[in-house]
Amino acid sequence: MDPRNPALPHLCDDGVVVKHYTNGEITVIWKPDLCQHSGVCARGLPAVFRPRMHPWIELGATDSKTIADQVDRCPSGALSWIANSDLPSGDGQE
């Protein structure tokens, strides 16, 4: 992953934008088209999920378990995560 652009947009086969953010341990996946902007993520971890900043997700602000637990609370499913150890070689480190 390019440190100057930590969230590179990717298009899935169906043309949906998907962005990946990684801290080396986990990768948070954001699907902006699904986001309902409920604010659950930002209210739960404001140092990590910062809607007015670029990039808006800063995974270095807390530990991976805390981030994963908060991502699991996303009501729309726009946020998800995967342990980098579960990714095939080369993925999660764009």
PDB file of N, CA and C in Angstrom:
ATOM      1  N   MET A   1       0.845  -1.172   0.000  1.00  0.00           N
ATOM      2  CA  MET A   1       0.000   0.000   0.000  1.00  0.00           C
ATOM      3  C   MET A   1       0.887   1.230   0.000  1.00  0.00           C
ATOM      4  N   ASP A   2       0.539   2.226  -0.764  1.00  0.00           N
ATOM      5  CA  ASP A   2       1.276   3.472  -0.856  1.00  0.00           C
ATOM      6  C   ASP A   2       1.003   4.301   0.401  1.00  0.00           C
ATOM      7  N   PRO A   3       2.018   4.639   1.209  1.00  0.00           N
ATOM      8  CA  PRO A   3       1.784   5.387   2.448  1.00  0.00           C
ATOM      9  C   PRO A   3       1.207   6.778   2.211  1.00  0.00           C
ATOM     10  N   ARG A   4       1.383   7.322   1.013  1.00  0.00           N
ATOM     11  CA  ARG A   4       0.809   8.633   0.708  1.00  0.00           C
ATOM     12  C   ARG A   4      -0.666   8.547   0.381  1.00  0.00           C
ATOM     13  N   ASN A   5      -1.165   7.353   0.091  1.00  0.00           N
ATOM     14  CA  ASN A   5      -2.571   7.151  -0.258  1.00  0.00           C
ATOM     15  C   ASN A   5      -3.049   5.856   0.380  1.00  0.00           C
ATOM     16  N   PRO A   6      -3.342   5.888   1.699  1.00  0.00           N
ATOM     17  CA  PRO A   6      -3.624   4.648   2.419  1.00  0.00           C
ATOM     18  C   PRO A   6      -4.931   3.974   2.050  1.00  0.00           C
ATOM     19  N   ALA A   7      -5.801   4.629   1.322  1.00  0.00           N
ATOM     20  CA  ALA A   7      -7.061   3.991   0.932  1.00  0.00           C
ATOM     21  C   ALA A   7      -7.222   4.107  -0.574  1.00  0.00           C
ATOM     22  N   LEU A   8      -6.756   3.117  -1.258  1.00  0.00           N
ATOM     23  CA  LEU A   8      -6.876   3.119  -2.708  1.00  0.00           C
ATOM     24  C   LEU A   8      -8.223   2.530  -3.100  1.00  0.00           C
ATOM     25  N   PRO A   9      -8.991   3.250  -3.926  1.00  0.00           N
ATOM     26  CA  PRO A   9     -10.282   2.693  -4.330  1.00  0.00           C
ATOM     27  C   PRO A   9     -10.077   1.542  -5.303  1.00  0.00           C
ATOM     28  N   HIS A  10     -10.910   0.563  -5.165  1.00  0.00           N
ATOM     29  CA  HIS A  10     -10.888  -0.586  -6.060  1.00  0.00           C
ATOM     30  C   HIS A  10     -12.304  -0.823  -6.535  1.00  0.00           C
ATOM     31  N   LEU A  11     -12.439  -1.230  -7.773  1.00  0.00           N
ATOM     32  CA  LEU A  11     -13.748  -1.567  -8.302  1.00  0.00           C
ATOM     33  C   LEU A  11     -13.910  -3.068  -8.291  1.00  0.00           C
ATOM     34  N   CYS A  12     -15.007  -3.516  -7.713  1.00  0.00           N
ATOM     35  CA  CYS A  12     -15.337  -4.937  -7.760  1.00  0.00           C
ATOM     36  C   CYS A  12     -15.863  -5.255  -9.155  1.00  0.00           C
ATOM     37  N   ASP A  13     -16.091  -6.517  -9.405  1.00  0.00           N
ATOM     38  CA  ASP A  13     -16.601  -6.927 -10.710  1.00  0.00           C
ATOM     39  C   ASP A  13     -17.904  -6.231 -11.072  1.00  0.00           C
ATOM     40  N   ASP A  14     -18.690  -5.859 -10.063  1.00  0.00           N
ATOM     41  CA  ASP A  14     -19.972  -5.214 -10.340  1.00  0.00           C
ATOM     42  C   ASP A  14     -19.866  -3.686 -10.386  1.00  0.00           C
ATOM     43  N   GLY A  15     -18.647  -3.136 -10.354  1.00  0.00           N
ATOM     44  CA  GLY A  15     -18.442  -1.702 -10.483  1.00  0.00           C
ATOM     45  C   GLY A  15     -18.584  -0.924  -9.183  1.00  0.00           C
ATOM     46  N   VAL A  16     -18.726  -1.596  -8.059  1.00  0.00           N
ATOM     47  CA  VAL A  16     -18.872  -0.947  -6.759  1.00  0.00           C
ATOM     48  C   VAL A  16     -17.492  -0.569  -6.227  1.00  0.00           C
ATOM     49  N   VAL A  17     -17.372   0.652  -5.697  1.00  0.00           N
ATOM     50  CA  VAL A  17     -16.109   1.099  -5.109  1.00  0.00           C
ATOM     51  C   VAL A  17     -15.940   0.452  -3.740  1.00  0.00           C
ATOM     52  N   VAL A  18     -14.757  -0.080  -3.504  1.00  0.00           N
ATOM     53  CA  VAL A  18     -14.403  -0.688  -2.224  1.00  0.00           C
ATOM     54  C   VAL A  18     -13.039  -0.137  -1.828  1.00  0.00           C
ATOM     55  N   LYS A  19     -12.917   0.351  -0.594  1.00  0.00           N
ATOM     56  CA  LYS A  19     -11.639   0.887  -0.126  1.00  0.00           C
ATOM     57  C   LYS A  19     -11.122   0.029   1.013  1.00  0.00           C
ATOM     58  N   HIS A  20      -9.800  -0.138   1.034  1.00  0.00           N
ATOM     59  CA  HIS A  20      -9.134  -0.969   2.037  1.00  0.00           C
ATOM     60  C   HIS A  20      -8.172  -0.113   2.856  1.00  0.00           C
ATOM     61  N   TYR A  21      -8.216  -0.299   4.165  1.00  0.00           N
ATOM     62  CA  TYR A  21      -7.314   0.385   5.082  1.00  0.00           C
ATOM     63  C   TYR A  21      -6.658  -0.700   5.930  1.00  0.00           C
ATOM     64  N   THR A  22      -5.347  -0.665   6.072  1.00  0.00           N
ATOM     65  CA  THR A  22      -4.680  -1.710   6.848  1.00  0.00           C
ATOM     66  C   THR A  22      -3.693  -1.117   7.841  1.00  0.00           C
ATOM     67  N   ASN A  23      -3.502  -1.841   8.937  1.00  0.00           N
ATOM     68  CA  ASN A  23      -2.477  -1.465   9.913  1.00  0.00           C
ATOM     69  C   ASN A  23      -1.412  -2.552  10.011  1.00  0.00           C
ATOM     70  N   GLY A  24      -1.462  -3.524   9.116  1.00  0.00           N
ATOM     71  CA  GLY A  24      -0.526  -4.633   9.134  1.00  0.00           C
ATOM     72  C   GLY A  24      -1.097  -5.876   9.795  1.00  0.00           C
ATOM     73  N   GLU A  25      -2.008  -5.699  10.743  1.00  0.00           N
ATOM     74  CA  GLU A  25      -2.654  -6.826  11.422  1.00  0.00           C
ATOM     75  C   GLU A  25      -4.028  -7.139  10.843  1.00  0.00           C
ATOM     76  N   ILE A  26      -4.811  -6.077  10.625  1.00  0.00           N
ATOM     77  CA  ILE A  26      -6.145  -6.249  10.041  1.00  0.00           C
ATOM     78  C   ILE A  26      -6.312  -5.290   8.873  1.00  0.00           C
ATOM     79  N   THR A  27      -7.256  -5.594   8.017  1.00  0.00           N
ATOM     80  CA  THR A  27      -7.649  -4.701   6.937  1.00  0.00           C
ATOM     81  C   THR A  27      -9.124  -4.389   7.124  1.00  0.00           C
ATOM     82  N   VAL A  28      -9.449  -3.098   7.185  1.00  0.00           N
ATOM     83  CA  VAL A  28     -10.834  -2.649   7.247  1.00  0.00           C
ATOM     84  C   VAL A  28     -11.269  -2.351   5.824  1.00  0.00           C
ATOM     85  N   ILE A  29     -12.415  -2.880   5.464  1.00  0.00           N
ATOM     86  CA  ILE A  29     -12.970  -2.712   4.126  1.00  0.00           C
ATOM     87  C   ILE A  29     -14.176  -1.799   4.237  1.00  0.00           C
ATOM     88  N   TRP A  30     -14.190  -0.748   3.407  1.00  0.00           N
ATOM     89  CA  TRP A  30     -15.313   0.201   3.409  1.00  0.00           C
ATOM     90  C   TRP A  30     -15.948   0.212   2.034  1.00  0.00           C
ATOM     91  N   LYS A  31     -17.258  -0.005   2.003  1.00  0.00           N
ATOM     92  CA  LYS A  31     -18.046   0.063   0.772  1.00  0.00           C
ATOM     93  C   LYS A  31     -18.929   1.305   0.866  1.00  0.00           C
ATOM     94  N   PRO A  32     -18.448   2.434   0.306  1.00  0.00           N
ATOM     95  CA  PRO A  32     -19.161   3.698   0.470  1.00  0.00           C
ATOM     96  C   PRO A  32     -20.607   3.674  -0.021  1.00  0.00           C
ATOM     97  N   ASP A  33     -20.893   2.896  -1.041  1.00  0.00           N
ATOM     98  CA  ASP A  33     -22.260   2.850  -1.565  1.00  0.00           C
ATOM     99  C   ASP A  33     -23.247   2.243  -0.579  1.00  0.00           C
ATOM    100  N   LEU A  34     -22.765   1.446   0.380  1.00  0.00           N
ATOM    101  CA  LEU A  34     -23.638   0.845   1.387  1.00  0.00           C
ATOM    102  C   LEU A  34     -23.798   1.724   2.621  1.00  0.00           C
ATOM    103  N   CYS A  35     -22.896   2.685   2.809  1.00  0.00           N
ATOM    104  CA  CYS A  35     -22.851   3.478   4.034  1.00  0.00           C
ATOM    105  C   CYS A  35     -24.118   4.316   4.192  1.00  0.00           C
ATOM    106  N   GLN A  36     -24.741   4.216   5.376  1.00  0.00           N
ATOM    107  CA  GLN A  36     -25.941   4.991   5.697  1.00  0.00           C
ATOM    108  C   GLN A  36     -25.607   6.215   6.553  1.00  0.00           C
ATOM    109  N   HIS A  37     -24.329   6.434   6.825  1.00  0.00           N
ATOM    110  CA  HIS A  37     -23.850   7.587   7.594  1.00  0.00           C
ATOM    111  C   HIS A  37     -24.552   7.706   8.945  1.00  0.00           C
ATOM    112  N   SER A  38     -24.729   6.572   9.612  1.00  0.00           N
ATOM    113  CA  SER A  38     -25.368   6.549  10.927  1.00  0.00           C
ATOM    114  C   SER A  38     -24.467   7.146  12.000  1.00  0.00           C
ATOM    115  N   GLY A  39     -23.157   7.130  11.779  1.00  0.00           N
ATOM    116  CA  GLY A  39     -22.214   7.682  12.736  1.00  0.00           C
ATOM    117  C   GLY A  39     -21.835   6.733  13.857  1.00  0.00           C
ATOM    118  N   VAL A  40     -22.307   5.496  13.816  1.00  0.00           N
ATOM    119  CA  VAL A  40     -21.985   4.525  14.864  1.00  0.00           C
ATOM    120  C   VAL A  40     -20.472   4.361  14.981  1.00  0.00           C
ATOM    121  N   CYS A  41     -19.792   4.278  13.868  1.00  0.00           N
ATOM    122  CA  CYS A  41     -18.336   4.086  13.890  1.00  0.00           C
ATOM    123  C   CYS A  41     -17.634   5.290  14.514  1.00  0.00           C
ATOM    124  N   ALA A  42     -17.980   6.488  14.073  1.00  0.00           N
ATOM    125  CA  ALA A  42     -17.312   7.700  14.547  1.00  0.00           C
ATOM    126  C   ALA A  42     -17.617   7.991  16.010  1.00  0.00           C
ATOM    127  N   ARG A  43     -18.825   7.739  16.448  1.00  0.00           N
ATOM    128  CA  ARG A  43     -19.149   7.953  17.862  1.00  0.00           C
ATOM    129  C   ARG A  43     -18.452   6.927  18.748  1.00  0.00           C
ATOM    130  N   GLY A  44     -18.293   5.716  18.245  1.00  0.00           N
ATOM    131  CA  GLY A  44     -17.655   4.663  19.032  1.00  0.00           C
ATOM    132  C   GLY A  44     -16.148   4.799  19.125  1.00  0.00           C
ATOM    133  N   LEU A  45     -15.513   5.190  18.025  1.00  0.00           N
ATOM    134  CA  LEU A  45     -14.048   5.355  17.992  1.00  0.00           C
ATOM    135  C   LEU A  45     -13.695   6.611  17.191  1.00  0.00           C
ATOM    136  N   PRO A  46     -13.889   7.789  17.774  1.00  0.00           N
ATOM    137  CA  PRO A  46     -13.654   9.028  17.022  1.00  0.00           C
ATOM    138  C   PRO A  46     -12.207   9.253  16.593  1.00  0.00           C
ATOM    139  N   ALA A  47     -11.251   8.625  17.250  1.00  0.00           N
ATOM    140  CA  ALA A  47      -9.848   8.773  16.835  1.00  0.00           C
ATOM    141  C   ALA A  47      -9.527   7.916  15.615  1.00  0.00           C
ATOM    142  N   VAL A  48     -10.347   6.902  15.359  1.00  0.00           N
ATOM    143  CA  VAL A  48     -10.132   5.995  14.220  1.00  0.00           C
ATOM    144  C   VAL A  48     -11.000   6.403  13.032  1.00  0.00           C
ATOM    145  N   PHE A  49     -12.280   6.632  13.288  1.00  0.00           N
ATOM    146  CA  PHE A  49     -13.239   6.961  12.222  1.00  0.00           C
ATOM    147  C   PHE A  49     -13.525   8.456  12.283  1.00  0.00           C
ATOM    148  N   ARG A  50     -12.936   9.199  11.332  1.00  0.00           N
ATOM    149  CA  ARG A  50     -12.953  10.654  11.336  1.00  0.00           C
ATOM    150  C   ARG A  50     -13.552  11.153  10.031  1.00  0.00           C
ATOM    151  N   PRO A  51     -14.877  11.270   9.957  1.00  0.00           N
ATOM    152  CA  PRO A  51     -15.552  11.567   8.687  1.00  0.00           C
ATOM    153  C   PRO A  51     -15.125  12.858   8.001  1.00  0.00           C
ATOM    154  N   ARG A  52     -14.604  13.808   8.743  1.00  0.00           N
ATOM    155  CA  ARG A  52     -14.224  15.094   8.135  1.00  0.00           C
ATOM    156  C   ARG A  52     -12.757  15.140   7.720  1.00  0.00           C
ATOM    157  N   MET A  53     -12.033  14.046   7.893  1.00  0.00           N
ATOM    158  CA  MET A  53     -10.604  14.008   7.590  1.00  0.00           C
ATOM    159  C   MET A  53     -10.345  13.140   6.357  1.00  0.00           C
ATOM    160  N   HIS A  54      -9.163  13.320   5.763  1.00  0.00           N
ATOM    161  CA  HIS A  54      -8.705  12.466   4.671  1.00  0.00           C
ATOM    162  C   HIS A  54      -7.344  11.913   5.032  1.00  0.00           C
ATOM    163  N   PRO A  55      -7.109  10.636   5.091  1.00  0.00           N
ATOM    164  CA  PRO A  55      -8.118   9.586   4.979  1.00  0.00           C
ATOM    165  C   PRO A  55      -8.998   9.575   6.227  1.00  0.00           C
ATOM    166  N   TRP A  56     -10.200   9.139   6.079  1.00  0.00           N
ATOM    167  CA  TRP A  56     -11.145   9.221   7.195  1.00  0.00           C
ATOM    168  C   TRP A  56     -10.985   8.088   8.197  1.00  0.00           C
ATOM    169  N   ILE A  57     -10.290   7.018   7.832  1.00  0.00           N
ATOM    170  CA  ILE A  57     -10.027   5.919   8.758  1.00  0.00           C
ATOM    171  C   ILE A  57      -8.532   5.906   9.078  1.00  0.00           C
ATOM    172  N   GLU A  58      -8.213   5.975  10.382  1.00  0.00           N
ATOM    173  CA  GLU A  58      -6.828   5.978  10.858  1.00  0.00           C
ATOM    174  C   GLU A  58      -6.652   4.802  11.812  1.00  0.00           C
ATOM    175  N   LEU A  59      -6.171   3.684  11.278  1.00  0.00           N
ATOM    176  CA  LEU A  59      -6.084   2.459  12.070  1.00  0.00           C
ATOM    177  C   LEU A  59      -4.986   2.479  13.114  1.00  0.00           C
ATOM    178  N   GLY A  60      -4.071   3.424  13.062  1.00  0.00           N
ATOM    179  CA  GLY A  60      -3.004   3.494  14.047  1.00  0.00           C
ATOM    180  C   GLY A  60      -3.430   4.098  15.373  1.00  0.00           C
ATOM    181  N   ALA A  61      -4.676   4.535  15.476  1.00  0.00           N
ATOM    182  CA  ALA A  61      -5.133   5.240  16.672  1.00  0.00           C
ATOM    183  C   ALA A  61      -5.465   4.329  17.854  1.00  0.00           C
ATOM    184  N   THR A  62      -5.659   3.044  17.608  1.00  0.00           N
ATOM    185  CA  THR A  62      -5.942   2.106  18.699  1.00  0.00           C
ATOM    186  C   THR A  62      -5.622   0.686  18.246  1.00  0.00           C
ATOM    187  N   ASP A  63      -5.840  -0.276  19.130  1.00  0.00           N
ATOM    188  CA  ASP A  63      -5.474  -1.654  18.816  1.00  0.00           C
ATOM    189  C   ASP A  63      -6.476  -2.316  17.874  1.00  0.00           C
ATOM    190  N   SER A  64      -6.022  -3.352  17.210  1.00  0.00           N
ATOM    191  CA  SER A  64      -6.809  -4.033  16.171  1.00  0.00           C
ATOM    192  C   SER A  64      -8.100  -4.645  16.711  1.00  0.00           C
ATOM    193  N   LYS A  65      -8.071  -5.223  17.902  1.00  0.00           N
ATOM    194  CA  LYS A  65      -9.281  -5.844  18.457  1.00  0.00           C
ATOM    195  C   LYS A  65     -10.369  -4.798  18.698  1.00  0.00           C
ATOM    196  N   THR A  66      -9.995  -3.652  19.238  1.00  0.00           N
ATOM    197  CA  THR A  66     -10.957  -2.578  19.486  1.00  0.00           C
ATOM    198  C   THR A  66     -11.563  -2.092  18.172  1.00  0.00           C
ATOM    199  N   ILE A  67     -10.735  -1.956  17.149  1.00  0.00           N
ATOM    200  CA  ILE A  67     -11.221  -1.533  15.833  1.00  0.00           C
ATOM    201  C   ILE A  67     -12.178  -2.573  15.263  1.00  0.00           C
ATOM    202  N   ALA A  68     -11.787  -3.831  15.305  1.00  0.00           N
ATOM    203  CA  ALA A  68     -12.632  -4.903  14.769  1.00  0.00           C
ATOM    204  C   ALA A  68     -13.974  -4.963  15.488  1.00  0.00           C
ATOM    205  N   ASP A  69     -13.949  -4.813  16.812  1.00  0.00           N
ATOM    206  CA  ASP A  69     -15.194  -4.820  17.576  1.00  0.00           C
ATOM    207  C   ASP A  69     -16.116  -3.683  17.154  1.00  0.00           C
ATOM    208  N   GLN A  70     -15.549  -2.502  16.903  1.00  0.00           N
ATOM    209  CA  GLN A  70     -16.365  -1.364  16.478  1.00  0.00           C
ATOM    210  C   GLN A  70     -16.888  -1.568  15.056  1.00  0.00           C
ATOM    211  N   VAL A  71     -16.052  -2.069  14.165  1.00  0.00           N
ATOM    212  CA  VAL A  71     -16.481  -2.336  12.788  1.00  0.00           C
ATOM    213  C   VAL A  71     -17.654  -3.315  12.785  1.00  0.00           C
ATOM    214  N   ASP A  72     -17.619  -4.293  13.675  1.00  0.00           N
ATOM    215  CA  ASP A  72     -18.711  -5.269  13.764  1.00  0.00           C
ATOM    216  C   ASP A  72     -20.042  -4.631  14.145  1.00  0.00           C
ATOM    217  N   ARG A  73     -20.016  -3.415  14.678  1.00  0.00           N
ATOM    218  CA  ARG A  73     -21.242  -2.712  15.064  1.00  0.00           C
ATOM    219  C   ARG A  73     -21.860  -1.912  13.907  1.00  0.00           C
ATOM    220  N   CYS A  74     -21.213  -1.865  12.761  1.00  0.00           N
ATOM    221  CA  CYS A  74     -21.717  -1.085  11.621  1.00  0.00           C
ATOM    222  C   CYS A  74     -23.100  -1.610  11.208  1.00  0.00           C
ATOM    223  N   PRO A  75     -24.141  -0.783  11.302  1.00  0.00           N
ATOM    224  CA  PRO A  75     -25.490  -1.272  11.028  1.00  0.00           C
ATOM    225  C   PRO A  75     -25.775  -1.541   9.546  1.00  0.00           C
ATOM    226  N   SER A  76     -25.058  -0.884   8.653  1.00  0.00           N
ATOM    227  CA  SER A  76     -25.347  -1.035   7.225  1.00  0.00           C
ATOM    228  C   SER A  76     -24.534  -2.135   6.552  1.00  0.00           C
ATOM    229  N   GLY A  77     -23.457  -2.572   7.209  1.00  0.00           N
ATOM    230  CA  GLY A  77     -22.566  -3.533   6.587  1.00  0.00           C
ATOM    231  C   GLY A  77     -21.549  -2.884   5.652  1.00  0.00           C
ATOM    232  N   ALA A  78     -21.493  -1.553   5.658  1.00  0.00           N
ATOM    233  CA  ALA A  78     -20.533  -0.851   4.801  1.00  0.00           C
ATOM    234  C   ALA A  78     -19.102  -1.072   5.267  1.00  0.00           C
ATOM    235  N   LEU A  79     -18.926  -1.315   6.558  1.00  0.00           N
ATOM    236  CA  LEU A  79     -17.609  -1.602   7.112  1.00  0.00           C
ATOM    237  C   LEU A  79     -17.511  -3.080   7.454  1.00  0.00           C
ATOM    238  N   SER A  80     -16.392  -3.664   7.115  1.00  0.00           N
ATOM    239  CA  SER A  80     -16.089  -5.031   7.509  1.00  0.00           C
ATOM    240  C   SER A  80     -14.583  -5.098   7.721  1.00  0.00           C
ATOM    241  N   TRP A  81     -14.114  -6.229   8.209  1.00  0.00           N
ATOM    242  CA  TRP A  81     -12.677  -6.363   8.438  1.00  0.00           C
ATOM    243  C   TRP A  81     -12.265  -7.812   8.246  1.00  0.00           C
ATOM    244  N   ILE A  82     -10.969  -7.975   8.025  1.00  0.00           N
ATOM    245  CA  ILE A  82     -10.392  -9.307   7.921  1.00  0.00           C
ATOM    246  C   ILE A  82      -8.992  -9.261   8.527  1.00  0.00           C
ATOM    247  N   ALA A  83      -8.622 -10.325   9.207  1.00  0.00           N
ATOM    248  CA  ALA A  83      -7.258 -10.429   9.723  1.00  0.00           C
ATOM    249  C   ALA A  83      -6.317 -10.624   8.537  1.00  0.00           C
ATOM    250  N   ASN A  84      -5.244  -9.868   8.497  1.00  0.00           N
ATOM    251  CA  ASN A  84      -4.311  -9.994   7.371  1.00  0.00           C
ATOM    252  C   ASN A  84      -3.723 -11.394   7.277  1.00  0.00           C
ATOM    253  N   SER A  85      -3.633 -12.096   8.407  1.00  0.00           N
ATOM    254  CA  SER A  85      -3.120 -13.463   8.378  1.00  0.00           C
ATOM    255  C   SER A  85      -4.059 -14.402   7.636  1.00  0.00           C
ATOM    256  N   ASP A  86      -5.331 -13.997   7.465  1.00  0.00           N
ATOM    257  CA  ASP A  86      -6.310 -14.812   6.739  1.00  0.00           C
ATOM    258  C   ASP A  86      -6.359 -14.488   5.241  1.00  0.00           C
ATOM    259  N   LEU A  87      -5.606 -13.464   4.816  1.00  0.00           N
ATOM    260  CA  LEU A  87      -5.595 -13.098   3.404  1.00  0.00           C
ATOM    261  C   LEU A  87      -4.592 -13.943   2.638  1.00  0.00           C
ATOM    262  N   PRO A  88      -4.896 -14.217   1.366  1.00  0.00           N
ATOM    263  CA  PRO A  88      -3.884 -14.876   0.533  1.00  0.00           C
ATOM    264  C   PRO A  88      -2.657 -13.981   0.417  1.00  0.00           C
ATOM    265  N   SER A  89      -1.514 -14.524   0.163  1.00  0.00           N
ATOM    266  CA  SER A  89      -0.283 -13.747   0.031  1.00  0.00           C
ATOM    267  C   SER A  89      -0.466 -12.597  -0.950  1.00  0.00           C
ATOM    268  N   GLY A  90       0.026 -11.416  -0.533  1.00  0.00           N
ATOM    269  CA  GLY A  90      -0.031 -10.258  -1.389  1.00  0.00           C
ATOM    270  C   GLY A  90      -1.243  -9.385  -1.179  1.00  0.00           C
ATOM    271  N   ASP A  91      -2.308  -9.877  -0.562  1.00  0.00           N
ATOM    272  CA  ASP A  91      -3.502  -9.079  -0.340  1.00  0.00           C
ATOM    273  C   ASP A  91      -3.380  -8.333   0.974  1.00  0.00           C
ATOM    274  N   GLY A  92      -4.128  -7.235   1.094  1.00  0.00           N
ATOM    275  CA  GLY A  92      -4.141  -6.460   2.328  1.00  0.00           C
ATOM    276  C   GLY A  92      -2.972  -5.515   2.454  1.00  0.00           C
ATOM    277  N   GLN A  93      -2.009  -5.617   1.575  1.00  0.00           N
ATOM    278  CA  GLN A  93      -0.847  -4.729   1.594  1.00  0.00           C
ATOM    279  C   GLN A  93      -0.674  -4.131   0.209  1.00  0.00           C
ATOM    280  N   GLU A  94      -1.614  -3.305  -0.210  1.00  0.00           N
ATOM    281  CA  GLU A  94      -1.580  -2.751  -1.565  1.00  0.00           C
ATOM    282  C   GLU A  94      -0.553  -1.675  -1.688  1.00  0.00           C
TER     283      GLU A  94
END
